[in-house]
Amino acid sequence: MITLVLGGARSGKSTYAERLMGRLSSPITYVATMQVEGDQDLSARVARHRQRRPAEWHTVEAGLDLPGVVRSLEGSILLDSLGPWVALHEDGQVDSATLCRALTERTGDSVVVSEEVGLGVHPSSSAGRHFRDALGTLNQDVAEVAERVLLIVAGRAIPLHPAP
């Protein structure tokens, strides 16, 4: 089963997704996409995320080859999150078809976390608009292959129904 967990900044989407993992079979692998490289605030956030995860979870840092990493993992995965993966691509162009195929071909459950970009302010830069568009399209593509899509607002989940 693929579950997509969407939400805005500080909406509680990662915490909610981590709770969902408690119902899934082991082994559980946390697939990290964030590159912290010298950012002390971001490093502290990542450390807090690691501390609240169970010690038996494995962590894999995906880098640019997220589809390859997803395809290689056994058991259940928590992919957190799509936004930083899009940001790793300078042109914002990601291969969503390959990522979706890797998710659908897995035998284990997948929980995918992503930032819902449609609720924010209109980006003032061209790069910001390209990022928003790329992530918005990727979210729609993953939602298309997911059996369940949840929007997290203030830590609460709203199930989103498939398009007719």
C-alpha atoms as a PDB file:
ATOM      1  CA  MET A   1       0.000   0.000   0.000  1.00  0.00           C
ATOM      2  CA  ILE A   2       1.174   3.515  -0.806  1.00  0.00           C
ATOM      3  CA  THR A   3       0.053   6.337   1.480  1.00  0.00           C
ATOM      4  CA  LEU A   4       0.804   9.966   0.585  1.00  0.00           C
ATOM      5  CA  VAL A   5       0.859  12.349   3.565  1.00  0.00           C
ATOM      6  CA  LEU A   6       0.653  15.997   2.509  1.00  0.00           C
ATOM      7  CA  GLY A   7       0.788  19.132   4.629  1.00  0.00           C
ATOM      8  CA  GLY A   8       2.160  22.616   4.982  1.00  0.00           C
ATOM      9  CA  ALA A   9       5.182  23.682   7.000  1.00  0.00           C
ATOM     10  CA  ARG A  10       4.880  22.624  10.666  1.00  0.00           C
ATOM     11  CA  SER A  11       1.520  20.937  10.000  1.00  0.00           C
ATOM     12  CA  GLY A  12       2.549  17.733  11.786  1.00  0.00           C
ATOM     13  CA  LYS A  13       2.840  15.660   8.612  1.00  0.00           C
ATOM     14  CA  SER A  14       6.092  13.892   9.569  1.00  0.00           C
ATOM     15  CA  THR A  15       4.871  13.065  13.076  1.00  0.00           C
ATOM     16  CA  TYR A  16       1.599  11.753  11.666  1.00  0.00           C
ATOM     17  CA  ALA A  17       3.457   9.628   9.102  1.00  0.00           C
ATOM     18  CA  GLU A  18       5.726   8.223  11.819  1.00  0.00           C
ATOM     19  CA  ARG A  19       2.641   7.157  13.794  1.00  0.00           C
ATOM     20  CA  LEU A  20       1.278   5.394  10.699  1.00  0.00           C
ATOM     21  CA  MET A  21       4.481   3.358  10.521  1.00  0.00           C
ATOM     22  CA  GLY A  22       3.688   1.781  13.897  1.00  0.00           C
ATOM     23  CA  ARG A  23       0.962  -0.245  12.168  1.00  0.00           C
ATOM     24  CA  LEU A  24       3.204  -1.577   9.403  1.00  0.00           C
ATOM     25  CA  SER A  25       5.410  -4.637   9.238  1.00  0.00           C
ATOM     26  CA  SER A  26       9.142  -4.614   9.952  1.00  0.00           C
ATOM     27  CA  PRO A  27      11.752  -3.936   8.883  1.00  0.00           C
ATOM     28  CA  ILE A  28      11.066  -0.211   8.653  1.00  0.00           C
ATOM     29  CA  THR A  29      13.430   2.067   6.776  1.00  0.00           C
ATOM     30  CA  TYR A  30      13.314   5.848   7.022  1.00  0.00           C
ATOM     31  CA  VAL A  31      14.332   7.301   3.662  1.00  0.00           C
ATOM     32  CA  ALA A  32      15.772  10.772   4.242  1.00  0.00           C
ATOM     33  CA  THR A  33      15.970  13.324   1.441  1.00  0.00           C
ATOM     34  CA  MET A  34      17.164  16.389   3.387  1.00  0.00           C
ATOM     35  CA  GLN A  35      20.735  17.592   2.854  1.00  0.00           C
ATOM     36  CA  VAL A  36      21.791  19.630   5.921  1.00  0.00           C
ATOM     37  CA  GLU A  37      25.418  20.499   4.992  1.00  0.00           C
ATOM     38  CA  GLY A  38      26.482  23.180   7.461  1.00  0.00           C
ATOM     39  CA  ASP A  39      23.007  24.481   8.420  1.00  0.00           C
ATOM     40  CA  GLN A  40      22.954  24.334  12.240  1.00  0.00           C
ATOM     41  CA  ASP A  41      19.206  24.990  12.578  1.00  0.00           C
ATOM     42  CA  LEU A  42      18.390  22.287  10.042  1.00  0.00           C
ATOM     43  CA  SER A  43      20.837  19.882  11.706  1.00  0.00           C
ATOM     44  CA  ALA A  44      19.054  20.412  15.031  1.00  0.00           C
ATOM     45  CA  ARG A  45      15.661  19.698  13.409  1.00  0.00           C
ATOM     46  CA  VAL A  46      16.981  16.510  11.828  1.00  0.00           C
ATOM     47  CA  ALA A  47      18.412  15.426  15.187  1.00  0.00           C
ATOM     48  CA  ARG A  48      15.006  15.941  16.864  1.00  0.00           C
ATOM     49  CA  HIS A  49      13.350  13.852  14.117  1.00  0.00           C
ATOM     50  CA  ARG A  50      15.911  11.059  14.666  1.00  0.00           C
ATOM     51  CA  GLN A  51      15.414  11.073  18.441  1.00  0.00           C
ATOM     52  CA  ARG A  52      11.672  10.485  18.209  1.00  0.00           C
ATOM     53  CA  ARG A  53      12.011   7.547  15.798  1.00  0.00           C
ATOM     54  CA  PRO A  54      12.304   4.016  17.203  1.00  0.00           C
ATOM     55  CA  ALA A  55      15.881   2.762  17.470  1.00  0.00           C
ATOM     56  CA  GLU A  56      15.128  -0.330  15.355  1.00  0.00           C
ATOM     57  CA  TRP A  57      14.296   1.749  12.286  1.00  0.00           C
ATOM     58  CA  HIS A  58      17.035   1.930   9.674  1.00  0.00           C
ATOM     59  CA  THR A  59      17.858   5.258   8.038  1.00  0.00           C
ATOM     60  CA  VAL A  60      18.987   5.668   4.434  1.00  0.00           C
ATOM     61  CA  GLU A  61      19.949   8.988   2.870  1.00  0.00           C
ATOM     62  CA  ALA A  62      18.613   8.950  -0.666  1.00  0.00           C
ATOM     63  CA  GLY A  63      20.410  11.718  -2.524  1.00  0.00           C
ATOM     64  CA  LEU A  64      19.499  12.213  -6.180  1.00  0.00           C
ATOM     65  CA  ASP A  65      18.768   8.531  -6.873  1.00  0.00           C
ATOM     66  CA  LEU A  66      15.596   8.347  -4.800  1.00  0.00           C
ATOM     67  CA  PRO A  67      13.853   5.915  -7.204  1.00  0.00           C
ATOM     68  CA  GLY A  68      16.822   3.538  -7.065  1.00  0.00           C
ATOM     69  CA  VAL A  69      16.932   3.671  -3.269  1.00  0.00           C
ATOM     70  CA  VAL A  70      13.165   3.079  -2.994  1.00  0.00           C
ATOM     71  CA  ARG A  71      13.391   0.139  -5.381  1.00  0.00           C
ATOM     72  CA  SER A  72      16.242  -1.462  -3.416  1.00  0.00           C
ATOM     73  CA  LEU A  73      14.572  -1.516   0.009  1.00  0.00           C
ATOM     74  CA  GLU A  74      12.734  -4.433   1.617  1.00  0.00           C
ATOM     75  CA  GLY A  75       9.911  -4.078   4.124  1.00  0.00           C
ATOM     76  CA  SER A  76       8.071  -0.859   4.930  1.00  0.00           C
ATOM     77  CA  ILE A  77       9.482   2.577   4.141  1.00  0.00           C
ATOM     78  CA  LEU A  78       8.817   6.104   5.309  1.00  0.00           C
ATOM     79  CA  LEU A  79      10.030   8.522   2.642  1.00  0.00           C
ATOM     80  CA  ASP A  80      10.357  11.980   4.227  1.00  0.00           C
ATOM     81  CA  SER A  81      10.033  14.062   2.091  1.00  0.00           C
ATOM     82  CA  LEU A  82       9.617  14.905  -1.583  1.00  0.00           C
ATOM     83  CA  GLY A  83      10.319  18.657  -1.343  1.00  0.00           C
ATOM     84  CA  PRO A  84      14.009  18.362  -0.439  1.00  0.00           C
ATOM     85  CA  TRP A  85      14.462  15.789  -3.214  1.00  0.00           C
ATOM     86  CA  VAL A  86      13.011  18.223  -5.765  1.00  0.00           C
ATOM     87  CA  ALA A  87      15.282  20.956  -4.350  1.00  0.00           C
ATOM     88  CA  LEU A  88      18.352  18.782  -5.018  1.00  0.00           C
ATOM     89  CA  HIS A  89      17.650  19.108  -8.745  1.00  0.00           C
ATOM     90  CA  GLU A  90      18.940  22.492  -9.863  1.00  0.00           C
ATOM     91  CA  ASP A  91      16.431  22.722 -12.686  1.00  0.00           C
ATOM     92  CA  GLY A  92      13.584  21.279 -10.583  1.00  0.00           C
ATOM     93  CA  GLN A  93      13.084  18.573 -13.184  1.00  0.00           C
ATOM     94  CA  VAL A  94      12.521  15.210 -11.507  1.00  0.00           C
ATOM     95  CA  ASP A  95      11.591  11.900 -13.045  1.00  0.00           C
ATOM     96  CA  SER A  96       8.257  11.375 -11.329  1.00  0.00           C
ATOM     97  CA  ALA A  97       7.361   8.430 -13.569  1.00  0.00           C
ATOM     98  CA  THR A  98      10.416   6.478 -12.402  1.00  0.00           C
ATOM     99  CA  LEU A  99       9.725   7.293  -8.747  1.00  0.00           C
ATOM    100  CA  CYS A 100       6.065   6.277  -9.090  1.00  0.00           C
ATOM    101  CA  ARG A 101       7.077   3.048 -10.799  1.00  0.00           C
ATOM    102  CA  ALA A 102       9.568   2.293  -7.993  1.00  0.00           C
ATOM    103  CA  LEU A 103       6.812   2.871  -5.416  1.00  0.00           C
ATOM    104  CA  THR A 104       4.226   0.713  -7.203  1.00  0.00           C
ATOM    105  CA  GLU A 105       6.659  -2.147  -7.867  1.00  0.00           C
ATOM    106  CA  ARG A 106       7.649  -2.485  -4.186  1.00  0.00           C
ATOM    107  CA  THR A 107       6.261  -5.398  -2.199  1.00  0.00           C
ATOM    108  CA  GLY A 108       6.380  -3.514   1.129  1.00  0.00           C
ATOM    109  CA  ASP A 109       4.211  -0.635   2.298  1.00  0.00           C
ATOM    110  CA  SER A 110       5.304   2.919   1.531  1.00  0.00           C
ATOM    111  CA  VAL A 111       4.384   6.106   3.373  1.00  0.00           C
ATOM    112  CA  VAL A 112       5.471   9.184   1.419  1.00  0.00           C
ATOM    113  CA  VAL A 113       5.558  12.627   3.038  1.00  0.00           C
ATOM    114  CA  SER A 114       5.429  15.795   0.954  1.00  0.00           C
ATOM    115  CA  GLU A 115       4.869  19.493   1.305  1.00  0.00           C
ATOM    116  CA  GLU A 116       1.577  20.769  -0.099  1.00  0.00           C
ATOM    117  CA  VAL A 117       2.728  23.761  -2.109  1.00  0.00           C
ATOM    118  CA  GLY A 118      -0.683  24.998  -3.217  1.00  0.00           C
ATOM    119  CA  LEU A 119      -1.455  26.555   0.162  1.00  0.00           C
ATOM    120  CA  GLY A 120       1.490  28.962   0.362  1.00  0.00           C
ATOM    121  CA  VAL A 121       2.202  32.397  -0.957  1.00  0.00           C
ATOM    122  CA  HIS A 122       2.959  32.945  -4.637  1.00  0.00           C
ATOM    123  CA  PRO A 123       6.755  32.655  -4.979  1.00  0.00           C
ATOM    124  CA  SER A 124       8.415  35.934  -5.879  1.00  0.00           C
ATOM    125  CA  SER A 125      11.258  34.377  -7.865  1.00  0.00           C
ATOM    126  CA  SER A 126      11.402  32.302 -10.999  1.00  0.00           C
ATOM    127  CA  ALA A 127      13.301  29.564  -9.119  1.00  0.00           C
ATOM    128  CA  GLY A 128      10.598  29.495  -6.444  1.00  0.00           C
ATOM    129  CA  ARG A 129       7.852  29.173  -9.058  1.00  0.00           C
ATOM    130  CA  HIS A 130       9.721  26.345 -10.825  1.00  0.00           C
ATOM    131  CA  PHE A 131      10.127  24.521  -7.501  1.00  0.00           C
ATOM    132  CA  ARG A 132       6.441  24.972  -6.630  1.00  0.00           C
ATOM    133  CA  ASP A 133       5.359  23.737 -10.038  1.00  0.00           C
ATOM    134  CA  ALA A 134       7.713  20.723  -9.996  1.00  0.00           C
ATOM    135  CA  LEU A 135       6.697  19.656  -6.484  1.00  0.00           C
ATOM    136  CA  GLY A 136       3.005  20.243  -7.193  1.00  0.00           C
ATOM    137  CA  THR A 137       3.177  18.049 -10.290  1.00  0.00           C
ATOM    138  CA  LEU A 138       5.149  15.362  -8.416  1.00  0.00           C
ATOM    139  CA  ASN A 139       2.570  15.382  -5.595  1.00  0.00           C
ATOM    140  CA  GLN A 140      -0.220  14.871  -8.129  1.00  0.00           C
ATOM    141  CA  ASP A 141       1.663  12.010  -9.810  1.00  0.00           C
ATOM    142  CA  VAL A 142       2.319  10.222  -6.507  1.00  0.00           C
ATOM    143  CA  ALA A 143      -1.301  10.803  -5.418  1.00  0.00           C
ATOM    144  CA  GLU A 144      -2.407   9.105  -8.628  1.00  0.00           C
ATOM    145  CA  VAL A 145      -0.623   5.848  -7.681  1.00  0.00           C
ATOM    146  CA  ALA A 146      -1.336   6.033  -3.928  1.00  0.00           C
ATOM    147  CA  GLU A 147      -4.159   4.003  -2.413  1.00  0.00           C
ATOM    148  CA  ARG A 148      -4.551   6.595   0.342  1.00  0.00           C
ATOM    149  CA  VAL A 149      -3.868  10.354   0.394  1.00  0.00           C
ATOM    150  CA  LEU A 150      -4.087  12.370   3.604  1.00  0.00           C
ATOM    151  CA  LEU A 151      -3.866  16.137   4.093  1.00  0.00           C
ATOM    152  CA  ILE A 152      -2.508  17.054   7.515  1.00  0.00           C
ATOM    153  CA  VAL A 153      -3.704  20.297   9.080  1.00  0.00           C
ATOM    154  CA  ALA A 154      -2.737  21.128  12.695  1.00  0.00           C
ATOM    155  CA  GLY A 155      -1.741  17.496  13.236  1.00  0.00           C
ATOM    156  CA  ARG A 156      -5.111  16.175  12.061  1.00  0.00           C
ATOM    157  CA  ALA A 157      -5.651  14.084   8.943  1.00  0.00           C
ATOM    158  CA  ILE A 158      -8.224  14.813   6.277  1.00  0.00           C
ATOM    159  CA  PRO A 159      -8.605  11.918   3.807  1.00  0.00           C
ATOM    160  CA  LEU A 160      -8.593  13.072   0.189  1.00  0.00           C
ATOM    161  CA  HIS A 161     -10.742  11.183  -2.264  1.00  0.00           C
ATOM    162  CA  PRO A 162      -9.560  10.201  -5.760  1.00  0.00           C
ATOM    163  CA  ALA A 163     -10.455  12.392  -8.691  1.00  0.00           C
ATOM    164  CA  PRO A 164     -13.560  11.139 -10.523  1.00  0.00           C
END
